[in-house]
PDB file of N, CA and C in Angstrom:
ATOM      1  N   MET A   1     -57.644  -5.250 -41.153  1.00  0.00           N
ATOM      2  CA  MET A   1     -58.460  -6.431 -41.349  1.00  0.00           C
ATOM      3  C   MET A   1     -59.760  -6.224 -40.573  1.00  0.00           C
ATOM      4  N   SER A   2     -60.850  -6.555 -41.219  1.00  0.00           N
ATOM      5  CA  SER A   2     -62.145  -6.384 -40.564  1.00  0.00           C
ATOM      6  C   SER A   2     -62.317  -7.404 -39.445  1.00  0.00           C
ATOM      7  N   LEU A   3     -63.229  -7.082 -38.551  1.00  0.00           N
ATOM      8  CA  LEU A   3     -63.506  -7.982 -37.429  1.00  0.00           C
ATOM      9  C   LEU A   3     -63.994  -9.333 -37.938  1.00  0.00           C
ATOM     10  N   PHE A   4     -64.832  -9.319 -38.981  1.00  0.00           N
ATOM     11  CA  PHE A   4     -65.351 -10.571 -39.539  1.00  0.00           C
ATOM     12  C   PHE A   4     -64.225 -11.421 -40.115  1.00  0.00           C
ATOM     13  N   ARG A   5     -63.320 -10.790 -40.870  1.00  0.00           N
ATOM     14  CA  ARG A   5     -62.189 -11.540 -41.449  1.00  0.00           C
ATOM     15  C   ARG A   5     -61.300 -12.118 -40.367  1.00  0.00           C
ATOM     16  N   ARG A   6     -61.038 -11.318 -39.336  1.00  0.00           N
ATOM     17  CA  ARG A   6     -60.195 -11.791 -38.245  1.00  0.00           C
ATOM     18  C   ARG A   6     -60.842 -12.980 -37.552  1.00  0.00           C
ATOM     19  N   PHE A   7     -62.145 -12.908 -37.302  1.00  0.00           N
ATOM     20  CA  PHE A   7     -62.866 -14.010 -36.667  1.00  0.00           C
ATOM     21  C   PHE A   7     -62.828 -15.257 -37.549  1.00  0.00           C
ATOM     22  N   ARG A   8     -63.063 -15.083 -38.847  1.00  0.00           N
ATOM     23  CA  ARG A   8     -63.039 -16.206 -39.781  1.00  0.00           C
ATOM     24  C   ARG A   8     -61.649 -16.826 -39.838  1.00  0.00           C
ATOM     25  N   SER A   9     -60.605 -15.991 -39.828  1.00  0.00           N
ATOM     26  CA  SER A   9     -59.236 -16.487 -39.844  1.00  0.00           C
ATOM     27  C   SER A   9     -58.919 -17.257 -38.564  1.00  0.00           C
ATOM     28  N   GLN A  10     -59.349 -16.744 -37.413  1.00  0.00           N
ATOM     29  CA  GLN A  10     -59.124 -17.441 -36.149  1.00  0.00           C
ATOM     30  C   GLN A  10     -59.864 -18.773 -36.134  1.00  0.00           C
ATOM     31  N   LYS A  11     -61.080 -18.774 -36.659  1.00  0.00           N
ATOM     32  CA  LYS A  11     -61.870 -20.004 -36.698  1.00  0.00           C
ATOM     33  C   LYS A  11     -61.200 -21.031 -37.612  1.00  0.00           C
ATOM     34  N   HIS A  12     -60.700 -20.581 -38.767  1.00  0.00           N
ATOM     35  CA  HIS A  12     -60.012 -21.487 -39.703  1.00  0.00           C
ATOM     36  C   HIS A  12     -58.751 -22.050 -39.057  1.00  0.00           C
ATOM     37  N   SER A  13     -57.975 -21.187 -38.397  1.00  0.00           N
ATOM     38  CA  SER A  13     -56.756 -21.627 -37.722  1.00  0.00           C
ATOM     39  C   SER A  13     -57.077 -22.651 -36.642  1.00  0.00           C
ATOM     40  N   ARG A  14     -58.121 -22.397 -35.858  1.00  0.00           N
ATOM     41  CA  ARG A  14     -58.519 -23.326 -34.801  1.00  0.00           C
ATOM     42  C   ARG A  14     -58.947 -24.660 -35.420  1.00  0.00           C
ATOM     43  N   HIS A  15     -59.636 -24.607 -36.560  1.00  0.00           N
ATOM     44  CA  HIS A  15     -60.071 -25.832 -37.241  1.00  0.00           C
ATOM     45  C   HIS A  15     -58.859 -26.647 -37.695  1.00  0.00           C
ATOM     46  N   LEU A  16     -57.863 -25.987 -38.280  1.00  0.00           N
ATOM     47  CA  LEU A  16     -56.653 -26.692 -38.721  1.00  0.00           C
ATOM     48  C   LEU A  16     -55.932 -27.297 -37.528  1.00  0.00           C
ATOM     49  N   ARG A  17     -55.822 -26.529 -36.455  1.00  0.00           N
ATOM     50  CA  ARG A  17     -55.146 -27.022 -35.255  1.00  0.00           C
ATOM     51  C   ARG A  17     -55.877 -28.233 -34.684  1.00  0.00           C
ATOM     52  N   LEU A  18     -57.202 -28.195 -34.679  1.00  0.00           N
ATOM     53  CA  LEU A  18     -57.986 -29.325 -34.173  1.00  0.00           C
ATOM     54  C   LEU A  18     -57.778 -30.575 -35.018  1.00  0.00           C
ATOM     55  N   ARG A  19     -57.655 -30.402 -36.322  1.00  0.00           N
ATOM     56  CA  ARG A  19     -57.409 -31.548 -37.197  1.00  0.00           C
ATOM     57  C   ARG A  19     -56.078 -32.208 -36.851  1.00  0.00           C
ATOM     58  N   VAL A  20     -55.042 -31.391 -36.651  1.00  0.00           N
ATOM     59  CA  VAL A  20     -53.723 -31.930 -36.308  1.00  0.00           C
ATOM     60  C   VAL A  20     -53.763 -32.563 -34.919  1.00  0.00           C
ATOM     61  N   GLU A  21     -54.368 -31.869 -33.959  1.00  0.00           N
ATOM     62  CA  GLU A  21     -54.461 -32.403 -32.598  1.00  0.00           C
ATOM     63  C   GLU A  21     -55.157 -33.758 -32.588  1.00  0.00           C
ATOM     64  N   SER A  22     -56.185 -33.889 -33.389  1.00  0.00           N
ATOM     65  CA  SER A  22     -56.918 -35.152 -33.462  1.00  0.00           C
ATOM     66  C   SER A  22     -56.008 -36.277 -33.928  1.00  0.00           C
ATOM     67  N   CYS A  23     -55.256 -36.044 -34.996  1.00  0.00           N
ATOM     68  CA  CYS A  23     -54.337 -37.063 -35.508  1.00  0.00           C
ATOM     69  C   CYS A  23     -53.289 -37.424 -34.468  1.00  0.00           C
ATOM     70  N   VAL A  24     -52.691 -36.413 -33.887  1.00  0.00           N
ATOM     71  CA  VAL A  24     -51.627 -36.632 -32.910  1.00  0.00           C
ATOM     72  C   VAL A  24     -52.158 -37.434 -31.728  1.00  0.00           C
ATOM     73  N   ASN A  25     -53.289 -37.017 -31.197  1.00  0.00           N
ATOM     74  CA  ASN A  25     -53.850 -37.704 -30.031  1.00  0.00           C
ATOM     75  C   ASN A  25     -54.234 -39.141 -30.344  1.00  0.00           C
ATOM     76  N   ILE A  26     -54.757 -39.383 -31.529  1.00  0.00           N
ATOM     77  CA  ILE A  26     -55.131 -40.747 -31.924  1.00  0.00           C
ATOM     78  C   ILE A  26     -53.892 -41.643 -31.940  1.00  0.00           C
ATOM     79  N   ILE A  27     -52.826 -41.182 -32.588  1.00  0.00           N
ATOM     80  CA  ILE A  27     -51.617 -41.996 -32.696  1.00  0.00           C
ATOM     81  C   ILE A  27     -51.014 -42.243 -31.322  1.00  0.00           C
ATOM     82  N   LEU A  28     -50.938 -41.213 -30.497  1.00  0.00           N
ATOM     83  CA  LEU A  28     -50.342 -41.384 -29.170  1.00  0.00           C
ATOM     84  C   LEU A  28     -51.194 -42.294 -28.287  1.00  0.00           C
ATOM     85  N   GLU A  29     -52.514 -42.191 -28.401  1.00  0.00           N
ATOM     86  CA  GLU A  29     -53.392 -43.068 -27.622  1.00  0.00           C
ATOM     87  C   GLU A  29     -53.314 -44.514 -28.111  1.00  0.00           C
ATOM     88  N   VAL A  30     -53.273 -44.697 -29.426  1.00  0.00           N
ATOM     89  CA  VAL A  30     -53.155 -46.050 -29.976  1.00  0.00           C
ATOM     90  C   VAL A  30     -51.822 -46.659 -29.547  1.00  0.00           C
ATOM     91  N   ASN A  31     -50.770 -45.850 -29.533  1.00  0.00           N
ATOM     92  CA  ASN A  31     -49.468 -46.339 -29.086  1.00  0.00           C
ATOM     93  C   ASN A  31     -49.541 -46.835 -27.643  1.00  0.00           C
ATOM     94  N   GLN A  32     -50.187 -46.072 -26.784  1.00  0.00           N
ATOM     95  CA  GLN A  32     -50.336 -46.503 -25.389  1.00  0.00           C
ATOM     96  C   GLN A  32     -51.159 -47.782 -25.314  1.00  0.00           C
ATOM     97  N   TRP A  33     -52.225 -47.832 -26.072  1.00  0.00           N
ATOM     98  CA  TRP A  33     -53.129 -48.975 -26.049  1.00  0.00           C
ATOM     99  C   TRP A  33     -52.429 -50.249 -26.528  1.00  0.00           C
ATOM    100  N   LEU A  34     -51.629 -50.112 -27.596  1.00  0.00           N
ATOM    101  CA  LEU A  34     -50.933 -51.278 -28.139  1.00  0.00           C
ATOM    102  C   LEU A  34     -49.789 -51.727 -27.235  1.00  0.00           C
ATOM    103  N   GLY A  35     -49.188 -50.779 -26.555  1.00  0.00           N
ATOM    104  CA  GLY A  35     -48.029 -51.091 -25.726  1.00  0.00           C
ATOM    105  C   GLY A  35     -46.759 -50.628 -26.404  1.00  0.00           C
ATOM    106  N   GLU A  36     -45.779 -50.321 -25.603  1.00  0.00           N
ATOM    107  CA  GLU A  36     -44.523 -49.778 -26.103  1.00  0.00           C
ATOM    108  C   GLU A  36     -43.857 -50.727 -27.091  1.00  0.00           C
ATOM    109  N   GLY A  37     -43.341 -50.137 -28.168  1.00  0.00           N
ATOM    110  CA  GLY A  37     -42.592 -50.909 -29.149  1.00  0.00           C
ATOM    111  C   GLY A  37     -43.408 -51.418 -30.327  1.00  0.00           C
ATOM    112  N   LYS A  38     -44.721 -51.310 -30.269  1.00  0.00           N
ATOM    113  CA  LYS A  38     -45.541 -51.806 -31.380  1.00  0.00           C
ATOM    114  C   LYS A  38     -45.534 -50.835 -32.556  1.00  0.00           C
ATOM    115  N   ILE A  39     -45.497 -49.530 -32.259  1.00  0.00           N
ATOM    116  CA  ILE A  39     -45.323 -48.509 -33.292  1.00  0.00           C
ATOM    117  C   ILE A  39     -43.885 -48.028 -33.155  1.00  0.00           C
ATOM    118  N   LYS A  40     -43.188 -47.940 -34.267  1.00  0.00           N
ATOM    119  CA  LYS A  40     -41.774 -47.549 -34.228  1.00  0.00           C
ATOM    120  C   LYS A  40     -41.581 -46.291 -33.393  1.00  0.00           C
ATOM    121  N   THR A  41     -40.559 -46.305 -32.579  1.00  0.00           N
ATOM    122  CA  THR A  41     -40.250 -45.211 -31.665  1.00  0.00           C
ATOM    123  C   THR A  41     -40.115 -43.878 -32.398  1.00  0.00           C
ATOM    124  N   GLU A  42     -39.502 -43.897 -33.570  1.00  0.00           N
ATOM    125  CA  GLU A  42     -39.298 -42.665 -34.334  1.00  0.00           C
ATOM    126  C   GLU A  42     -40.624 -42.017 -34.693  1.00  0.00           C
ATOM    127  N   ILE A  43     -41.614 -42.808 -35.044  1.00  0.00           N
ATOM    128  CA  ILE A  43     -42.937 -42.280 -35.404  1.00  0.00           C
ATOM    129  C   ILE A  43     -43.592 -41.651 -34.185  1.00  0.00           C
ATOM    130  N   VAL A  44     -43.560 -42.349 -33.080  1.00  0.00           N
ATOM    131  CA  VAL A  44     -44.164 -41.836 -31.849  1.00  0.00           C
ATOM    132  C   VAL A  44     -43.471 -40.538 -31.438  1.00  0.00           C
ATOM    133  N   GLU A  45     -42.156 -40.488 -31.547  1.00  0.00           N
ATOM    134  CA  GLU A  45     -41.408 -39.279 -31.188  1.00  0.00           C
ATOM    135  C   GLU A  45     -41.776 -38.105 -32.093  1.00  0.00           C
ATOM    136  N   GLN A  46     -41.955 -38.379 -33.391  1.00  0.00           N
ATOM    137  CA  GLN A  46     -42.355 -37.312 -34.309  1.00  0.00           C
ATOM    138  C   GLN A  46     -43.726 -36.759 -33.944  1.00  0.00           C
ATOM    139  N   PHE A  47     -44.658 -37.630 -33.616  1.00  0.00           N
ATOM    140  CA  PHE A  47     -45.992 -37.177 -33.231  1.00  0.00           C
ATOM    141  C   PHE A  47     -45.949 -36.447 -31.888  1.00  0.00           C
ATOM    142  N   GLN A  48     -45.082 -36.878 -30.974  1.00  0.00           N
ATOM    143  CA  GLN A  48     -44.950 -36.191 -29.687  1.00  0.00           C
ATOM    144  C   GLN A  48     -44.392 -34.785 -29.894  1.00  0.00           C
ATOM    145  N   ARG A  49     -43.374 -34.653 -30.754  1.00  0.00           N
ATOM    146  CA  ARG A  49     -42.821 -33.323 -31.053  1.00  0.00           C
ATOM    147  C   ARG A  49     -43.872 -32.437 -31.708  1.00  0.00           C
ATOM    148  N   LEU A  50     -44.647 -33.019 -32.589  1.00  0.00           N
ATOM    149  CA  LEU A  50     -45.714 -32.260 -33.243  1.00  0.00           C
ATOM    150  C   LEU A  50     -46.719 -31.762 -32.207  1.00  0.00           C
ATOM    151  N   LYS A  51     -47.078 -32.609 -31.259  1.00  0.00           N
ATOM    152  CA  LYS A  51     -48.015 -32.221 -30.203  1.00  0.00           C
ATOM    153  C   LYS A  51     -47.446 -31.061 -29.383  1.00  0.00           C
ATOM    154  N   GLU A  52     -46.168 -31.132 -29.060  1.00  0.00           N
ATOM    155  CA  GLU A  52     -45.531 -30.088 -28.263  1.00  0.00           C
ATOM    156  C   GLU A  52     -45.433 -28.761 -29.012  1.00  0.00           C
ATOM    157  N   SER A  53     -45.381 -28.815 -30.340  1.00  0.00           N
ATOM    158  CA  SER A  53     -45.254 -27.580 -31.116  1.00  0.00           C
ATOM    159  C   SER A  53     -46.599 -26.954 -31.481  1.00  0.00           C
ATOM    160  N   LEU A  54     -47.696 -27.655 -31.279  1.00  0.00           N
ATOM    161  CA  LEU A  54     -49.011 -27.144 -31.672  1.00  0.00           C
ATOM    162  C   LEU A  54     -49.362 -25.774 -31.073  1.00  0.00           C
ATOM    163  N   PRO A  55     -49.022 -25.495 -29.828  1.00  0.00           N
ATOM    164  CA  PRO A  55     -49.370 -24.168 -29.304  1.00  0.00           C
ATOM    165  C   PRO A  55     -48.713 -23.015 -30.070  1.00  0.00           C
ATOM    166  N   TYR A  56     -47.660 -23.297 -30.814  1.00  0.00           N
ATOM    167  CA  TYR A  56     -46.934 -22.261 -31.539  1.00  0.00           C
ATOM    168  C   TYR A  56     -47.340 -22.169 -33.007  1.00  0.00           C
ATOM    169  N   VAL A  57     -48.302 -22.965 -33.419  1.00  0.00           N
ATOM    170  CA  VAL A  57     -48.741 -22.989 -34.807  1.00  0.00           C
ATOM    171  C   VAL A  57     -49.618 -21.764 -35.086  1.00  0.00           C
ATOM    172  N   THR A  58     -49.307 -21.087 -36.189  1.00  0.00           N
ATOM    173  CA  THR A  58     -50.113 -19.945 -36.622  1.00  0.00           C
ATOM    174  C   THR A  58     -50.527 -20.163 -38.068  1.00  0.00           C
ATOM    175  N   ASP A  59     -51.449 -19.312 -38.523  1.00  0.00           N
ATOM    176  CA  ASP A  59     -51.894 -19.400 -39.912  1.00  0.00           C
ATOM    177  C   ASP A  59     -50.741 -19.244 -40.892  1.00  0.00           C
ATOM    178  N   ASP A  60     -49.751 -18.433 -40.514  1.00  0.00           N
ATOM    179  CA  ASP A  60     -48.631 -18.150 -41.408  1.00  0.00           C
ATOM    180  C   ASP A  60     -47.747 -19.361 -41.673  1.00  0.00           C
ATOM    181  N   ASN A  61     -47.697 -20.301 -40.725  1.00  0.00           N
ATOM    182  CA  ASN A  61     -46.795 -21.436 -40.914  1.00  0.00           C
ATOM    183  C   ASN A  61     -47.512 -22.766 -41.064  1.00  0.00           C
ATOM    184  N   VAL A  62     -48.801 -22.718 -41.396  1.00  0.00           N
ATOM    185  CA  VAL A  62     -49.547 -23.956 -41.628  1.00  0.00           C
ATOM    186  C   VAL A  62     -50.250 -23.868 -42.970  1.00  0.00           C
ATOM    187  N   ASP A  63     -50.078 -24.897 -43.719  1.00  0.00           N
ATOM    188  CA  ASP A  63     -50.736 -24.998 -45.013  1.00  0.00           C
ATOM    189  C   ASP A  63     -51.688 -26.186 -44.930  1.00  0.00           C
ATOM    190  N   GLU A  64     -52.842 -26.049 -45.515  1.00  0.00           N
ATOM    191  CA  GLU A  64     -53.817 -27.135 -45.452  1.00  0.00           C
ATOM    192  C   GLU A  64     -53.260 -28.415 -46.078  1.00  0.00           C
ATOM    193  N   LYS A  65     -52.347 -28.289 -47.029  1.00  0.00           N
ATOM    194  CA  LYS A  65     -51.710 -29.473 -47.623  1.00  0.00           C
ATOM    195  C   LYS A  65     -50.904 -30.226 -46.574  1.00  0.00           C
ATOM    196  N   ASP A  66     -50.250 -29.484 -45.670  1.00  0.00           N
ATOM    197  CA  ASP A  66     -49.503 -30.121 -44.584  1.00  0.00           C
ATOM    198  C   ASP A  66     -50.444 -30.929 -43.696  1.00  0.00           C
ATOM    199  N   ILE A  67     -51.581 -30.336 -43.379  1.00  0.00           N
ATOM    200  CA  ILE A  67     -52.572 -31.015 -42.538  1.00  0.00           C
ATOM    201  C   ILE A  67     -53.078 -32.262 -43.245  1.00  0.00           C
ATOM    202  N   ASP A  68     -53.326 -32.144 -44.539  1.00  0.00           N
ATOM    203  CA  ASP A  68     -53.783 -33.306 -45.311  1.00  0.00           C
ATOM    204  C   ASP A  68     -52.761 -34.435 -45.255  1.00  0.00           C
ATOM    205  N   GLN A  69     -51.469 -34.104 -45.328  1.00  0.00           N
ATOM    206  CA  GLN A  69     -50.427 -35.124 -45.266  1.00  0.00           C
ATOM    207  C   GLN A  69     -50.387 -35.806 -43.900  1.00  0.00           C
ATOM    208  N   ILE A  70     -50.565 -35.021 -42.852  1.00  0.00           N
ATOM    209  CA  ILE A  70     -50.593 -35.595 -41.499  1.00  0.00           C
ATOM    210  C   ILE A  70     -51.783 -36.532 -41.357  1.00  0.00           C
ATOM    211  N   GLU A  71     -52.934 -36.115 -41.865  1.00  0.00           N
ATOM    212  CA  GLU A  71     -54.121 -36.967 -41.796  1.00  0.00           C
ATOM    213  C   GLU A  71     -53.938 -38.240 -42.621  1.00  0.00           C
ATOM    214  N   GLU A  72     -53.312 -38.095 -43.783  1.00  0.00           N
ATOM    215  CA  GLU A  72     -53.069 -39.260 -44.636  1.00  0.00           C
ATOM    216  C   GLU A  72     -52.119 -40.244 -43.954  1.00  0.00           C
ATOM    217  N   ALA A  73     -51.059 -39.738 -43.338  1.00  0.00           N
ATOM    218  CA  ALA A  73     -50.110 -40.606 -42.626  1.00  0.00           C
ATOM    219  C   ALA A  73     -50.802 -41.305 -41.456  1.00  0.00           C
ATOM    220  N   THR A  74     -51.639 -40.577 -40.743  1.00  0.00           N
ATOM    221  CA  THR A  74     -52.384 -41.155 -39.624  1.00  0.00           C
ATOM    222  C   THR A  74     -53.299 -42.263 -40.114  1.00  0.00           C
ATOM    223  N   ASN A  75     -54.011 -42.013 -41.191  1.00  0.00           N
ATOM    224  CA  ASN A  75     -54.925 -43.022 -41.739  1.00  0.00           C
ATOM    225  C   ASN A  75     -54.181 -44.251 -42.239  1.00  0.00           C
ATOM    226  N   ARG A  76     -53.013 -44.056 -42.857  1.00  0.00           N
ATOM    227  CA  ARG A  76     -52.223 -45.207 -43.316  1.00  0.00           C
ATOM    228  C   ARG A  76     -51.782 -46.066 -42.137  1.00  0.00           C
ATOM    229  N   LEU A  77     -51.319 -45.410 -41.086  1.00  0.00           N
ATOM    230  CA  LEU A  77     -50.882 -46.150 -39.908  1.00  0.00           C
ATOM    231  C   LEU A  77     -52.056 -46.899 -39.277  1.00  0.00           C
ATOM    232  N   LEU A  78     -53.189 -46.253 -39.178  1.00  0.00           N
ATOM    233  CA  LEU A  78     -54.376 -46.918 -38.621  1.00  0.00           C
ATOM    234  C   LEU A  78     -54.822 -48.080 -39.509  1.00  0.00           C
ATOM    235  N   ASP A  79     -54.704 -47.930 -40.823  1.00  0.00           N
ATOM    236  CA  ASP A  79     -55.024 -49.034 -41.734  1.00  0.00           C
ATOM    237  C   ASP A  79     -54.095 -50.217 -41.500  1.00  0.00           C
ATOM    238  N   GLU A  80     -52.804 -49.938 -41.291  1.00  0.00           N
ATOM    239  CA  GLU A  80     -51.853 -51.015 -41.012  1.00  0.00           C
ATOM    240  C   GLU A  80     -52.203 -51.719 -39.712  1.00  0.00           C
ATOM    241  N   ILE A  81     -52.551 -50.938 -38.703  1.00  0.00           N
ATOM    242  CA  ILE A  81     -52.928 -51.526 -37.411  1.00  0.00           C
ATOM    243  C   ILE A  81     -54.171 -52.384 -37.573  1.00  0.00           C
ATOM    244  N   ARG A  82     -55.134 -51.880 -38.302  1.00  0.00           N
ATOM    245  CA  ARG A  82     -56.381 -52.628 -38.549  1.00  0.00           C
ATOM    246  C   ARG A  82     -56.080 -53.947 -39.257  1.00  0.00           C
ATOM    247  N   ALA A  83     -55.224 -53.887 -40.275  1.00  0.00           N
ATOM    248  CA  ALA A  83     -54.882 -55.095 -41.030  1.00  0.00           C
ATOM    249  C   ALA A  83     -54.152 -56.107 -40.152  1.00  0.00           C
ATOM    250  N   VAL A  84     -53.243 -55.625 -39.335  1.00  0.00           N
ATOM    251  CA  VAL A  84     -52.475 -56.505 -38.459  1.00  0.00           C
ATOM    252  C   VAL A  84     -53.382 -57.163 -37.429  1.00  0.00           C
ATOM    253  N   TYR A  85     -54.269 -56.383 -36.851  1.00  0.00           N
ATOM    254  CA  TYR A  85     -55.152 -56.939 -35.828  1.00  0.00           C
ATOM    255  C   TYR A  85     -56.149 -57.925 -36.407  1.00  0.00           C
ATOM    256  N   SER A  86     -56.476 -57.796 -37.658  1.00  0.00           N
ATOM    257  CA  SER A  86     -57.390 -58.767 -38.257  1.00  0.00           C
ATOM    258  C   SER A  86     -56.712 -60.126 -38.411  1.00  0.00           C
ATOM    259  N   SER A  87     -55.363 -60.134 -38.462  1.00  0.00           N
ATOM    260  CA  SER A  87     -54.631 -61.395 -38.557  1.00  0.00           C
ATOM    261  C   SER A  87     -54.350 -61.997 -37.182  1.00  0.00           C
ATOM    262  N   GLY A  88     -54.516 -61.190 -36.124  1.00  0.00           N
ATOM    263  CA  GLY A  88     -54.356 -61.703 -34.778  1.00  0.00           C
ATOM    264  C   GLY A  88     -53.001 -61.479 -34.138  1.00  0.00           C
ATOM    265  N   GLU A  89     -51.963 -61.126 -34.915  1.00  0.00           N
ATOM    266  CA  GLU A  89     -50.634 -60.904 -34.351  1.00  0.00           C
ATOM    267  C   GLU A  89     -50.229 -59.458 -34.581  1.00  0.00           C
ATOM    268  N   VAL A  90     -49.524 -58.855 -33.620  1.00  0.00           N
ATOM    269  CA  VAL A  90     -49.150 -57.446 -33.727  1.00  0.00           C
ATOM    270  C   VAL A  90     -47.636 -57.299 -33.773  1.00  0.00           C
ATOM    271  N   PRO A  91     -47.064 -57.204 -34.980  1.00  0.00           N
ATOM    272  CA  PRO A  91     -45.628 -56.975 -35.102  1.00  0.00           C
ATOM    273  C   PRO A  91     -45.323 -55.479 -34.981  1.00  0.00           C
ATOM    274  N   VAL A  92     -44.038 -55.086 -35.130  1.00  0.00           N
ATOM    275  CA  VAL A  92     -43.667 -53.680 -35.172  1.00  0.00           C
ATOM    276  C   VAL A  92     -44.279 -53.097 -36.442  1.00  0.00           C
ATOM    277  N   LEU A  93     -44.941 -51.952 -36.284  1.00  0.00           N
ATOM    278  CA  LEU A  93     -45.643 -51.350 -37.410  1.00  0.00           C
ATOM    279  C   LEU A  93     -44.796 -50.314 -38.130  1.00  0.00           C
ATOM    280  N   TYR A  94     -45.028 -50.177 -39.397  1.00  0.00           N
ATOM    281  CA  TYR A  94     -44.434 -49.212 -40.303  1.00  0.00           C
ATOM    282  C   TYR A  94     -42.921 -49.246 -40.270  1.00  0.00           C
ATOM    283  N   ASP A  95     -42.380 -50.007 -41.160  1.00  0.00           N
ATOM    284  CA  ASP A  95     -40.938 -50.124 -41.278  1.00  0.00           C
ATOM    285  C   ASP A  95     -40.448 -49.336 -42.486  1.00  0.00           C
ATOM    286  N   GLY A  96     -41.255 -48.345 -42.900  1.00  0.00           N
ATOM    287  CA  GLY A  96     -40.941 -47.579 -44.103  1.00  0.00           C
ATOM    288  C   GLY A  96     -39.994 -46.426 -43.860  1.00  0.00           C
ATOM    289  N   GLU A  97     -39.915 -45.569 -44.862  1.00  0.00           N
ATOM    290  CA  GLU A  97     -39.024 -44.441 -44.848  1.00  0.00           C
ATOM    291  C   GLU A  97     -39.445 -43.403 -43.811  1.00  0.00           C
ATOM    292  N   LYS A  98     -38.456 -42.838 -43.091  1.00  0.00           N
ATOM    293  CA  LYS A  98     -38.719 -41.767 -42.139  1.00  0.00           C
ATOM    294  C   LYS A  98     -38.766 -40.443 -42.871  1.00  0.00           C
ATOM    295  N   HIS A  99     -39.595 -39.539 -42.389  1.00  0.00           N
ATOM    296  CA  HIS A  99     -39.706 -38.203 -43.001  1.00  0.00           C
ATOM    297  C   HIS A  99     -39.150 -37.165 -42.087  1.00  0.00           C
TER     298      HIS A  99
END
């Protein structure tokens, strides 16, 4: 593999990792901000496990579709939080199916 290809591959991998890290950090920070129990424990645990596994992520085991799904799930959760806060009361969020 040429030096240019290797650099481009490393840059792409770092970009994918940053996208996932951003989602994970947002959810974990929002969870802290809202207070324990506002986001279902299972969701927070999944994002925590994802954060812990990020150092082991390589190009071989990450697909951009996976990243898109993580971003979509993050955006849906943030949309729910936004909708709930506009009503003034904060119930337990996301009572849907676990993945």
